[in-house]
Structure formats: C-alpha cells, structure tokens
Amino acid sequence: MKRLAIPLLLVVACTPRQVYVVPAERLAAVAARIGQVGEGDALVVAAGDIADCGEQFEAAHSTAALVRLFPSATVIAAGDIAYPDGAQEDFERCYDPTWGVFKSRTRPAPGNHEYHTPGAAPYFEHFGVPPFYSFDLGAWHVVSLDSMRDMSEQSEQVVWLRRDLESSGRPCVLAFWHHPRFSSGRHGRQRDDRGRQTDVLWRVLAEHHAALVVNGHDHHYERFARIDGIREIVAGTGGAKLRPVLPRLRSEASDARHYGVLVLTLHPASYEWHFLGIDGAVHDASSAPVPCR
C-alpha cells in the first residue's frame, strides 16, 4: 500500500525554511492518543497569532491541518487572527482559507492587529461576538476577554467578569485573551505592553480559583508554573513568524522553534495539556492530570 504523507511547513526563526513530510497515519495516531476524552471531558485546541498571507501563509495552513485532526474540539483563537490589520480583506484572504474552516466551532478573542482597523469592526462582524463573553464546556467555565479594552478595577469589563464568575457555578475556570501577563518573549520585556495591564484580570480570576489562562501575542510557546493558583500558557504559534525567547522566572517550558497548537483536555476536576508541533511531535505535555483547584 502506498504511504500517504501530508507536507507540513515549519518556518524556523533566523534559519532557512524547513519542510516536514509527516506520514498521515503518524499524525492520526498522535492525535488519537492525545485527543482521547472520557465521559464529562471536553477538548480544546488553541493558538494565537495565526493567519498572515505573506511568506508565513503556509505555516497557518500547517497549523490548520493540526486543528483538523480534532473535529470535536472547541477552537480558541487567542488574538491576532488575521494579519496584518484585521481588515475584512485580511479575514477573507488569510483567515478564511486556513482556520476559517473551523469558524463554527471557534471561540475568539481580539488582538492588537485586529484593532489596527478602527474598533476592530471586521473582527466583531466576522465572529458575531461581544468584546468579552463566556460559555461552559463540561464542568469548565470559559471566559474570553479583550486585552485591548479598559482593564481597570471599575471598568465595564472587570465589573462584568466579577459578576460572571460569581454566577458561573462551575468548579473549573479557563480564561483567554491576547496579551500575556508573563512572557519570556519580546513583549514580555516591554513595560508599556498591555500585558503589564492585565493584573486586575489576573487578580479577579485568582479570587475565583481560575486554573488556566491562555494567551498569544508573543510568537512562541511557553508554559509557566502556577502563580496565585493560575497556570499561564502562551501559544502564539498559529502561523505568524516565530521569535526568540529569553526564559524568565517561573517559566517551566518554552519553544520558539515550532509552529503548533495547544491541546487541552478538560476533565471534570482536572486538566492536561499537549503542545503539538506541525512536525507531528509533542514538544511539551503534562505527565498526569492536574487538579483545577
């Protein structure tokens, strides 16, 4: 029998392009292993910094090929979804042919590139979502926030977040937005980056025993140790050009060489994670389920 192969492109920062030809059966086997769910479980596939029609376009197609391996998963798009400006043309030309295939099961958050177009109007029109919203996945309550909007103590967003968490009734909480509070990437070292303004969001989530925060913005993968009970994972690996990192305190794992997606298995009282690269390898994974509280 002739072996089928799926070509997946990896563009490594500061190095020539590399093309991985990964046998379809190998990808399917990896996806089947890490995508196993039991009763009451939910599956999430996440990344930010996704669709750029320039020289990175093939990378977005390659990460989309990974998402396709998990047809039952909820897809989280953690901002900077359509480069360069989040314009209607950017969504039509760049996002729709790649991750747009999964739009019906995608839950987005906007990034700074969406706001290059006034008010991020095409983003809101394309997805039909409000700036911040929530939904339930099994035993988990999931919150999407807008880190380009006011995040101060008395802001509309923070007041809404408090009320939403107080009324959720779910034991486990996952939140996602674009700008990470902590990052070993370029933006993590910038004092004026909006990630430095997310402390109120973080504090409110910690008060309500949130377990996970997923972000993009910096173009690499990174997992932090739990801080105030919350584990932050940066997954800016959806297709935009990767950038180097200088690991900082509390960073437990980082990868600036591989495009890929974060796969989260949300159990009723715990979670697991896998970072699946477009080369078909798992580059970071939990060793056992981690309690969500």
Protein backbone atom coordinates (compact mmCIF):
# COMPACT_ATOMS: atom_id res chain seq x y z
CA MET A 1 0.00 0.00 0.00
CA LYS A 2 1.29 3.42 -0.86
CA ARG A 3 2.01 5.53 2.23
CA LEU A 4 0.16 8.83 2.34
CA ALA A 5 2.10 11.85 3.52
CA ILE A 6 0.97 15.32 4.47
CA PRO A 7 3.56 18.05 3.88
CA LEU A 8 3.64 20.44 6.82
CA LEU A 9 5.77 23.55 6.69
CA LEU A 10 7.91 24.72 9.56
CA VAL A 11 9.49 28.15 9.26
CA VAL A 12 12.14 28.45 11.97
CA ALA A 13 13.08 31.94 13.14
CA CYS A 14 16.53 33.02 11.91
CA THR A 15 17.02 29.81 9.91
CA PRO A 16 16.09 28.71 6.36
CA ARG A 17 12.69 27.20 5.73
CA GLN A 18 12.31 23.57 6.68
CA VAL A 19 9.61 21.28 5.32
CA TYR A 20 8.43 18.28 7.30
CA VAL A 21 6.73 15.48 5.42
CA VAL A 22 4.77 13.70 8.12
CA PRO A 23 3.01 10.42 7.28
CA ALA A 24 -0.76 10.83 7.65
CA GLU A 25 -1.03 7.70 9.78
CA ARG A 26 1.58 9.05 12.23
CA LEU A 27 -0.32 12.31 12.65
CA ALA A 28 -3.58 10.44 13.08
CA ALA A 29 -2.04 8.18 15.73
CA VAL A 30 -0.63 11.11 17.71
CA ALA A 31 -3.95 12.96 17.52
CA ALA A 32 -5.87 9.88 18.61
CA ARG A 33 -3.58 9.42 21.60
CA ILE A 34 -3.65 12.98 22.91
CA GLY A 35 -7.25 13.63 21.87
CA GLN A 36 -8.79 10.84 23.92
CA VAL A 37 -11.72 12.02 26.02
CA GLY A 38 -13.81 10.27 28.62
CA GLU A 39 -17.26 10.92 30.00
CA GLY A 40 -17.59 14.54 31.10
CA ASP A 41 -14.38 15.63 29.33
CA ALA A 42 -14.04 18.48 26.84
CA LEU A 43 -11.30 19.05 24.27
CA VAL A 44 -9.85 22.44 23.32
CA VAL A 45 -7.37 23.30 20.56
CA ALA A 46 -5.83 26.76 20.91
CA ALA A 47 -3.34 29.17 19.36
CA GLY A 48 -2.98 32.85 18.64
CA ASP A 49 -1.10 34.87 16.02
CA ILE A 50 -2.44 32.90 13.12
CA ALA A 51 -3.12 33.90 9.53
CA ASP A 52 -0.64 36.01 7.56
CA CYS A 53 -0.95 35.95 3.79
CA GLY A 54 2.73 36.76 3.33
CA GLU A 55 5.57 34.27 3.49
CA GLN A 56 4.02 32.76 6.63
CA PHE A 57 0.79 31.70 4.91
CA GLU A 58 1.93 28.09 4.61
CA ALA A 59 2.53 27.96 8.36
CA ALA A 60 -1.11 28.91 9.03
CA HIS A 61 -2.21 26.17 6.62
CA SER A 62 0.00 23.72 8.52
CA THR A 63 -1.41 24.55 11.95
CA ALA A 64 -4.91 24.38 10.45
CA ALA A 65 -4.06 20.83 9.37
CA LEU A 66 -3.45 20.02 13.04
CA VAL A 67 -6.77 21.53 14.12
CA ARG A 68 -8.50 19.35 11.53
CA LEU A 69 -7.27 16.27 13.41
CA PHE A 70 -9.55 17.16 16.35
CA PRO A 71 -13.04 17.51 14.83
CA SER A 72 -14.86 17.51 18.18
CA ALA A 73 -12.65 20.14 19.83
CA THR A 74 -13.63 23.70 20.62
CA VAL A 75 -11.15 26.00 18.87
CA ILE A 76 -9.75 29.00 20.76
CA ALA A 77 -8.23 31.76 18.62
CA ALA A 78 -6.28 33.94 21.05
CA GLY A 79 -5.98 37.15 19.04
CA ASP A 80 -4.05 38.44 16.03
CA ILE A 81 -6.18 36.14 13.96
CA ALA A 82 -5.95 37.92 10.59
CA TYR A 83 -2.80 39.82 9.63
CA PRO A 84 -1.73 42.45 9.08
CA ASP A 85 -4.60 44.70 10.15
CA GLY A 86 -7.67 42.62 10.94
CA ALA A 87 -9.36 44.18 7.91
CA GLN A 88 -12.21 42.45 6.10
CA GLU A 89 -9.82 41.60 3.27
CA ASP A 90 -7.39 40.04 5.77
CA PHE A 91 -10.14 37.78 7.10
CA GLU A 92 -11.28 36.79 3.63
CA ARG A 93 -7.82 36.20 2.14
CA CYS A 94 -5.86 34.91 5.16
CA TYR A 95 -8.11 33.57 7.90
CA ASP A 96 -10.99 32.04 5.92
CA PRO A 97 -8.85 29.61 3.83
CA THR A 98 -6.95 28.40 6.92
CA TRP A 99 -8.52 28.49 10.38
CA GLY A 100 -11.73 29.94 8.99
CA VAL A 101 -12.71 26.39 8.07
CA PHE A 102 -13.39 25.88 11.79
CA LYS A 103 -15.25 29.16 12.36
CA SER A 104 -18.46 27.48 13.55
CA ARG A 105 -16.63 25.91 16.49
CA THR A 106 -14.18 28.75 17.13
CA ARG A 107 -14.29 30.99 20.18
CA PRO A 108 -12.11 34.06 19.53
CA ALA A 109 -10.55 36.93 21.44
CA PRO A 110 -9.24 40.01 19.61
CA GLY A 111 -5.60 41.05 19.45
CA ASN A 112 -3.81 44.29 18.73
CA HIS A 113 -3.69 43.56 15.00
CA GLU A 114 -7.50 43.34 14.88
CA TYR A 115 -7.56 46.85 16.36
CA HIS A 116 -5.36 48.20 13.57
CA THR A 117 -8.76 48.61 11.91
CA PRO A 118 -10.84 51.14 13.93
CA GLY A 119 -12.82 49.45 16.66
CA ALA A 120 -11.81 46.02 15.35
CA ALA A 121 -15.07 46.24 13.40
CA PRO A 122 -14.35 43.44 10.87
CA TYR A 123 -13.42 41.07 13.73
CA PHE A 124 -16.71 41.67 15.55
CA GLU A 125 -18.70 41.42 12.34
CA HIS A 126 -16.90 38.25 11.26
CA PHE A 127 -17.41 36.34 14.50
CA GLY A 128 -20.57 37.99 15.84
CA VAL A 129 -19.32 38.02 19.43
CA PRO A 130 -19.18 40.81 22.04
CA PRO A 131 -15.82 42.12 23.33
CA PHE A 132 -15.99 39.79 26.35
CA TYR A 133 -18.19 36.77 26.87
CA SER A 134 -18.29 33.33 28.49
CA PHE A 135 -19.50 29.82 27.84
CA ASP A 136 -19.44 26.40 29.51
CA LEU A 137 -17.56 23.30 28.38
CA GLY A 138 -18.49 20.31 30.51
CA ALA A 139 -17.52 21.13 34.09
CA TRP A 140 -15.49 24.14 32.95
CA HIS A 141 -16.48 27.78 32.69
CA VAL A 142 -14.54 29.52 29.90
CA VAL A 143 -14.12 33.29 29.64
CA SER A 144 -12.96 35.30 26.62
CA LEU A 145 -11.61 38.78 27.43
CA ASP A 146 -10.43 41.77 25.41
CA SER A 147 -6.99 42.98 26.48
CA MET A 148 -7.24 45.97 24.13
CA ARG A 149 -10.05 47.45 26.24
CA ASP A 150 -10.07 49.06 29.66
CA MET A 151 -8.99 46.52 32.29
CA SER A 152 -9.01 48.80 35.34
CA GLU A 153 -10.79 47.89 38.57
CA GLN A 154 -14.04 49.72 37.81
CA SER A 155 -14.07 49.13 34.06
CA GLU A 156 -17.11 47.60 32.39
CA GLN A 157 -15.05 44.51 31.54
CA VAL A 158 -13.82 43.83 35.08
CA VAL A 159 -17.24 44.51 36.64
CA TRP A 160 -18.73 42.06 34.15
CA LEU A 161 -16.00 39.48 34.86
CA ARG A 162 -16.67 39.53 38.61
CA ARG A 163 -20.40 39.04 38.12
CA ASP A 164 -19.88 36.33 35.52
CA LEU A 165 -17.54 34.30 37.73
CA GLU A 166 -19.75 34.70 40.79
CA SER A 167 -22.71 33.25 38.90
CA SER A 168 -20.97 30.54 36.86
CA GLY A 169 -21.46 27.63 39.26
CA ARG A 170 -18.71 25.61 37.55
CA PRO A 171 -15.80 24.21 39.60
CA CYS A 172 -13.09 24.90 36.98
CA VAL A 173 -12.32 28.13 35.12
CA LEU A 174 -10.28 28.79 31.96
CA ALA A 175 -9.76 32.33 30.65
CA PHE A 176 -8.15 33.52 27.43
CA TRP A 177 -7.15 36.83 25.92
CA HIS A 178 -4.35 38.11 23.71
CA HIS A 179 -1.65 39.87 25.79
CA PRO A 180 0.06 37.62 28.37
CA ARG A 181 0.81 38.95 31.83
CA PHE A 182 4.01 36.90 31.84
CA SER A 183 6.18 36.09 28.83
CA SER A 184 9.82 35.39 28.01
CA GLY A 185 9.32 36.88 24.57
CA ARG A 186 9.90 40.37 23.27
CA HIS A 187 6.63 41.80 24.52
CA GLY A 188 7.14 40.35 27.98
CA ARG A 189 10.09 42.72 28.43
CA GLN A 190 8.20 45.84 27.34
CA ARG A 191 6.95 47.94 30.23
CA ASP A 192 4.28 49.63 28.10
CA ASP A 193 2.89 46.43 26.63
CA ARG A 194 -0.75 45.83 27.51
CA GLY A 195 0.17 42.54 29.12
CA ARG A 196 1.51 44.60 32.04
CA GLN A 197 -2.04 45.96 32.46
CA THR A 198 -3.74 42.59 32.96
CA ASP A 199 -3.00 42.34 36.69
CA VAL A 200 -6.60 43.20 37.66
CA LEU A 201 -7.98 40.49 35.36
CA TRP A 202 -5.50 38.07 36.90
CA ARG A 203 -6.41 39.01 40.46
CA VAL A 204 -10.15 38.63 39.86
CA LEU A 205 -9.59 35.24 38.25
CA ALA A 206 -7.37 34.15 41.17
CA GLU A 207 -10.05 35.21 43.65
CA HIS A 208 -12.44 32.85 41.88
CA HIS A 209 -9.93 29.96 41.73
CA ALA A 210 -9.30 30.00 37.98
CA ALA A 211 -6.95 27.25 36.83
CA LEU A 212 -5.77 28.27 33.35
CA VAL A 213 -5.06 31.36 31.27
CA VAL A 214 -4.23 31.02 27.56
CA ASN A 215 -2.67 33.90 25.58
CA GLY A 216 -0.90 34.71 22.32
CA HIS A 217 0.87 37.96 21.30
CA ASP A 218 4.45 36.73 21.72
CA HIS A 219 5.25 34.35 18.89
CA HIS A 220 6.37 31.26 20.76
CA TYR A 221 5.05 28.57 23.07
CA GLU A 222 5.59 28.89 26.81
CA ARG A 223 4.22 27.33 29.98
CA PHE A 224 4.57 28.95 33.37
CA ALA A 225 4.41 27.48 36.85
CA ARG A 226 1.21 28.26 38.70
CA ILE A 227 1.13 31.80 40.04
CA ASP A 228 -1.66 32.62 42.51
CA GLY A 229 -3.04 29.21 41.59
CA ILE A 230 -3.22 30.02 37.86
CA ARG A 231 -1.13 28.41 35.13
CA GLU A 232 -0.49 30.65 32.12
CA ILE A 233 0.28 29.18 28.72
CA VAL A 234 1.38 31.35 25.80
CA ALA A 235 0.53 29.78 22.44
CA GLY A 236 1.45 32.40 19.85
CA THR A 237 2.37 29.64 17.41
CA GLY A 238 -0.53 29.66 14.96
CA GLY A 239 1.41 30.88 11.93
CA ALA A 240 2.96 34.33 12.42
CA LYS A 241 6.76 34.43 12.28
CA LEU A 242 8.32 32.88 15.38
CA ARG A 243 10.57 34.99 17.61
CA PRO A 244 13.29 34.02 20.15
CA VAL A 245 12.82 33.95 23.92
CA LEU A 246 14.93 34.69 26.98
CA PRO A 247 13.40 32.44 29.68
CA ARG A 248 12.30 34.30 32.77
CA LEU A 249 11.50 33.34 36.36
CA ARG A 250 8.71 30.77 36.78
CA SER A 251 8.88 29.69 33.13
CA GLU A 252 8.77 25.89 33.08
CA ALA A 253 8.94 25.25 29.33
CA SER A 254 9.36 27.30 26.17
CA ASP A 255 9.64 26.59 22.45
CA ALA A 256 10.42 29.23 19.83
CA ARG A 257 11.26 26.77 17.05
CA HIS A 258 7.97 25.02 16.30
CA TYR A 259 4.63 26.13 14.98
CA GLY A 260 1.82 24.18 16.54
CA VAL A 261 -1.32 24.11 18.64
CA LEU A 262 -2.05 23.73 22.33
CA VAL A 263 -4.37 20.79 23.00
CA LEU A 264 -6.18 20.93 26.35
CA THR A 265 -8.16 18.06 27.80
CA LEU A 266 -10.58 19.47 30.35
CA HIS A 267 -11.65 16.76 32.79
CA PRO A 268 -14.47 17.37 35.33
CA ALA A 269 -11.97 18.30 38.06
CA SER A 270 -8.58 18.46 36.33
CA TYR A 271 -6.82 19.17 33.04
CA GLU A 272 -3.99 18.02 30.79
CA TRP A 273 -2.02 19.83 28.09
CA HIS A 274 -0.04 18.90 24.99
CA PHE A 275 1.81 21.22 22.62
CA LEU A 276 1.62 19.51 19.24
CA GLY A 277 4.02 20.78 16.57
CA ILE A 278 3.47 20.72 12.83
CA ASP A 279 6.33 18.22 12.67
CA GLY A 280 3.98 15.69 14.31
CA ALA A 281 5.86 15.69 17.62
CA VAL A 282 4.57 16.61 21.07
CA HIS A 283 7.03 19.19 22.41
CA ASP A 284 5.50 19.73 25.85
CA ALA A 285 2.97 17.73 27.84
CA SER A 286 1.63 17.22 31.33
CA SER A 287 2.72 13.98 32.96
CA ALA A 288 -0.63 13.46 34.67
CA PRO A 289 -3.94 15.29 35.10
CA VAL A 290 -3.58 18.46 37.19
CA PRO A 291 -6.39 19.37 39.62
CA CYS A 292 -8.19 22.54 38.57
CA ARG A 293 -8.47 23.82 42.15
